[in-house]
Every structure is written in structure tokens, then in C-alpha cells.
Amino acid sequence: MNFIADFPISLIVLSSGLGLIIIGLWGMLTQRNIIRIIIGFSLMDTGIHMVMVAIGYITGGTAPIINDAVLFSDAVNRVVDPVPSALVLTAIVIGLGVTAVMLSFAVRIYRTRKTLMIDECTESKG
């Protein structure tokens, strides 16, 4: 039997999301190139989205529609929570906007300084 098939999908998504958060955080803290830092931010942002989706998922759950298929009394145990999914959709749009602003700043820095290395962009004001 397949080893990964024994785990619920929410656990796989949760662990993958946590892995992306760690990789993104590592990229943001250790890299000196601005583009690589932005990529690290995007990876961390995607990992946070995956964790949020995994938290709201119920294995074997149904869509949050109360009808003949799901009784009102059984809905709390069988219906997937729609709030994390709605928050993730909003967070994806916000993350896309923030990434676009960071990339536009990187373009401005490159046009001004002719480099994307942070070490060469810092200067002492004294």
C-alpha cells in the first residue's frame, strides 16, 4: 500500500504548507538579492494559504449547503467551513498586490542603483 495514501489530504496540505513557510522564511532571512527575497515572501504567503485551507477542511465533508443531503442536526460534523476558504481568496488577492508593489520597488532600485544586492544598496547617513 502507498505510504502517503494512508494520510488524510488535510494533513498532507498542512505539512506542505508548513514546509513552504519554512523555506520562504529561510529565503527571506538568508538571501541578499531583492528578487530572491521577494520569491521567499511569495513562498511563505502560499504556505500560509495552504495552512489556512487545511485548517478549514473536513475529511469526507460536503459543501456548506443545508438541504436533503445534509440534515441540519448533522451539518456541524459534515460541512466544510467556508470562512477559511473565503479568507484565503482575499489573502491571495492581497498577496498578489503586495508582490506587485515589491517587484515595482525592485525595478526602481535597479534603475537607480544598477544592482539588486541589499549590501550595495545600504549606505550610512552621517
Protein backbone atom coordinates (compact mmCIF):
# COMPACT_ATOMS: atom_id res chain seq x y z
CA MET A 1 0.00 0.00 0.00
CA ASN A 2 1.14 3.55 -0.68
CA PHE A 3 2.57 5.28 2.39
CA ILE A 4 1.20 8.73 1.55
CA ALA A 5 -2.26 7.37 0.73
CA ASP A 6 -2.70 6.43 4.40
CA PHE A 7 -2.62 10.10 5.49
CA PRO A 8 -5.63 12.39 5.19
CA ILE A 9 -5.33 15.05 2.50
CA SER A 10 -5.62 17.85 5.06
CA LEU A 11 -2.50 16.59 6.86
CA ILE A 12 -0.56 16.46 3.59
CA VAL A 13 -1.65 20.01 2.67
CA LEU A 14 -0.88 21.23 6.19
CA SER A 15 2.62 19.77 6.24
CA SER A 16 3.33 21.03 2.71
CA GLY A 17 2.17 24.50 3.72
CA LEU A 18 4.37 24.48 6.81
CA GLY A 19 7.29 23.38 4.64
CA LEU A 20 6.70 26.27 2.24
CA ILE A 21 6.52 28.70 5.16
CA ILE A 22 9.88 27.48 6.46
CA ILE A 23 11.50 27.61 3.01
CA GLY A 24 10.11 31.10 2.38
CA LEU A 25 11.24 32.37 5.76
CA TRP A 26 14.70 30.93 5.15
CA GLY A 27 14.81 32.64 1.75
CA MET A 28 13.75 35.98 3.20
CA LEU A 29 16.31 35.88 6.00
CA THR A 30 19.39 34.45 4.26
CA GLN A 31 19.34 35.84 0.72
CA ARG A 32 20.91 39.17 -0.21
CA ASN A 33 19.27 39.56 -3.64
CA ILE A 34 16.00 41.51 -3.56
CA ILE A 35 14.31 39.27 -6.15
CA ARG A 36 15.14 36.17 -4.12
CA ILE A 37 13.72 37.82 -1.01
CA ILE A 38 10.51 38.56 -2.92
CA ILE A 39 10.34 34.92 -4.05
CA GLY A 40 10.79 33.85 -0.41
CA PHE A 41 7.92 36.12 0.58
CA SER A 42 5.71 34.61 -2.13
CA LEU A 43 6.56 31.07 -1.00
CA MET A 44 5.75 31.95 2.60
CA ASP A 45 2.49 33.60 1.51
CA THR A 46 1.47 30.48 -0.43
CA GLY A 47 2.35 28.27 2.55
CA ILE A 48 0.13 30.37 4.81
CA HIS A 49 -2.74 29.98 2.33
CA MET A 50 -2.27 26.20 2.30
CA VAL A 51 -2.27 26.04 6.10
CA MET A 52 -5.47 28.09 6.27
CA VAL A 53 -7.21 25.81 3.77
CA ALA A 54 -6.02 22.69 5.60
CA ILE A 55 -7.38 24.00 8.91
CA GLY A 56 -10.84 24.54 7.45
CA TYR A 57 -11.03 21.19 5.65
CA ILE A 58 -13.01 18.24 7.00
CA THR A 59 -12.14 14.83 5.56
CA GLY A 60 -15.22 13.48 3.85
CA GLY A 61 -17.04 16.77 4.33
CA THR A 62 -19.57 18.29 1.96
CA ALA A 63 -20.20 21.78 0.64
CA PRO A 64 -21.80 24.18 3.14
CA ILE A 65 -25.31 23.80 1.71
CA ILE A 66 -28.03 22.58 4.05
CA ASN A 67 -30.57 20.54 2.07
CA ASP A 68 -31.89 16.97 1.86
CA ALA A 69 -28.37 15.54 1.56
CA VAL A 70 -27.22 17.01 4.90
CA LEU A 71 -29.56 17.25 7.83
CA PHE A 72 -29.46 20.42 9.93
CA SER A 73 -28.55 18.48 13.08
CA ASP A 74 -25.67 16.67 11.31
CA ALA A 75 -24.33 19.73 9.47
CA VAL A 76 -21.83 20.74 12.15
CA ASN A 77 -19.94 17.45 11.71
CA ARG A 78 -20.16 17.03 7.94
CA VAL A 79 -20.00 20.51 6.40
CA VAL A 80 -16.69 22.15 5.46
CA ASP A 81 -16.25 25.62 6.99
CA PRO A 82 -16.41 28.22 4.18
CA VAL A 83 -14.79 31.07 6.15
CA PRO A 84 -11.14 29.91 5.76
CA SER A 85 -11.66 29.48 2.02
CA ALA A 86 -13.11 32.99 1.73
CA LEU A 87 -10.22 34.40 3.76
CA VAL A 88 -7.71 32.59 1.56
CA LEU A 89 -9.26 34.04 -1.60
CA THR A 90 -8.97 37.52 -0.12
CA ALA A 91 -5.40 36.85 1.05
CA ILE A 92 -4.38 35.63 -2.42
CA VAL A 93 -5.53 38.90 -3.97
CA ILE A 94 -3.80 40.96 -1.28
CA GLY A 95 -0.61 38.90 -1.61
CA LEU A 96 -0.62 39.41 -5.38
CA GLY A 97 -0.89 43.17 -4.89
CA VAL A 98 1.88 43.26 -2.29
CA THR A 99 4.14 41.17 -4.55
CA ALA A 100 3.48 43.52 -7.46
CA VAL A 101 4.41 46.54 -5.31
CA MET A 102 7.59 44.81 -4.10
CA LEU A 103 8.57 43.99 -7.69
CA SER A 104 7.94 47.58 -8.77
CA PHE A 105 10.20 48.77 -5.93
CA ALA A 106 12.84 46.28 -7.07
CA VAL A 107 12.67 47.71 -10.60
CA ARG A 108 13.05 51.25 -9.23
CA ILE A 109 16.00 50.21 -7.08
CA TYR A 110 17.68 48.52 -10.05
CA ARG A 111 17.17 51.58 -12.27
CA THR A 112 18.64 53.85 -9.59
CA ARG A 113 21.47 51.69 -8.18
CA LYS A 114 22.12 49.25 -11.09
CA THR A 115 22.12 46.37 -8.60
CA LEU A 116 19.66 44.25 -6.65
CA MET A 117 22.04 43.28 -3.85
CA ILE A 118 21.00 44.67 -0.48
CA ASP A 119 24.60 45.08 0.71
CA GLU A 120 25.32 47.54 -2.12
CA CYS A 121 22.07 49.47 -1.61
CA THR A 122 22.62 50.39 2.03
CA GLU A 123 24.56 53.49 2.87
CA SER A 124 25.31 55.28 6.09
CA LYS A 125 23.80 58.68 6.59
CA GLY A 126 26.04 60.67 8.78
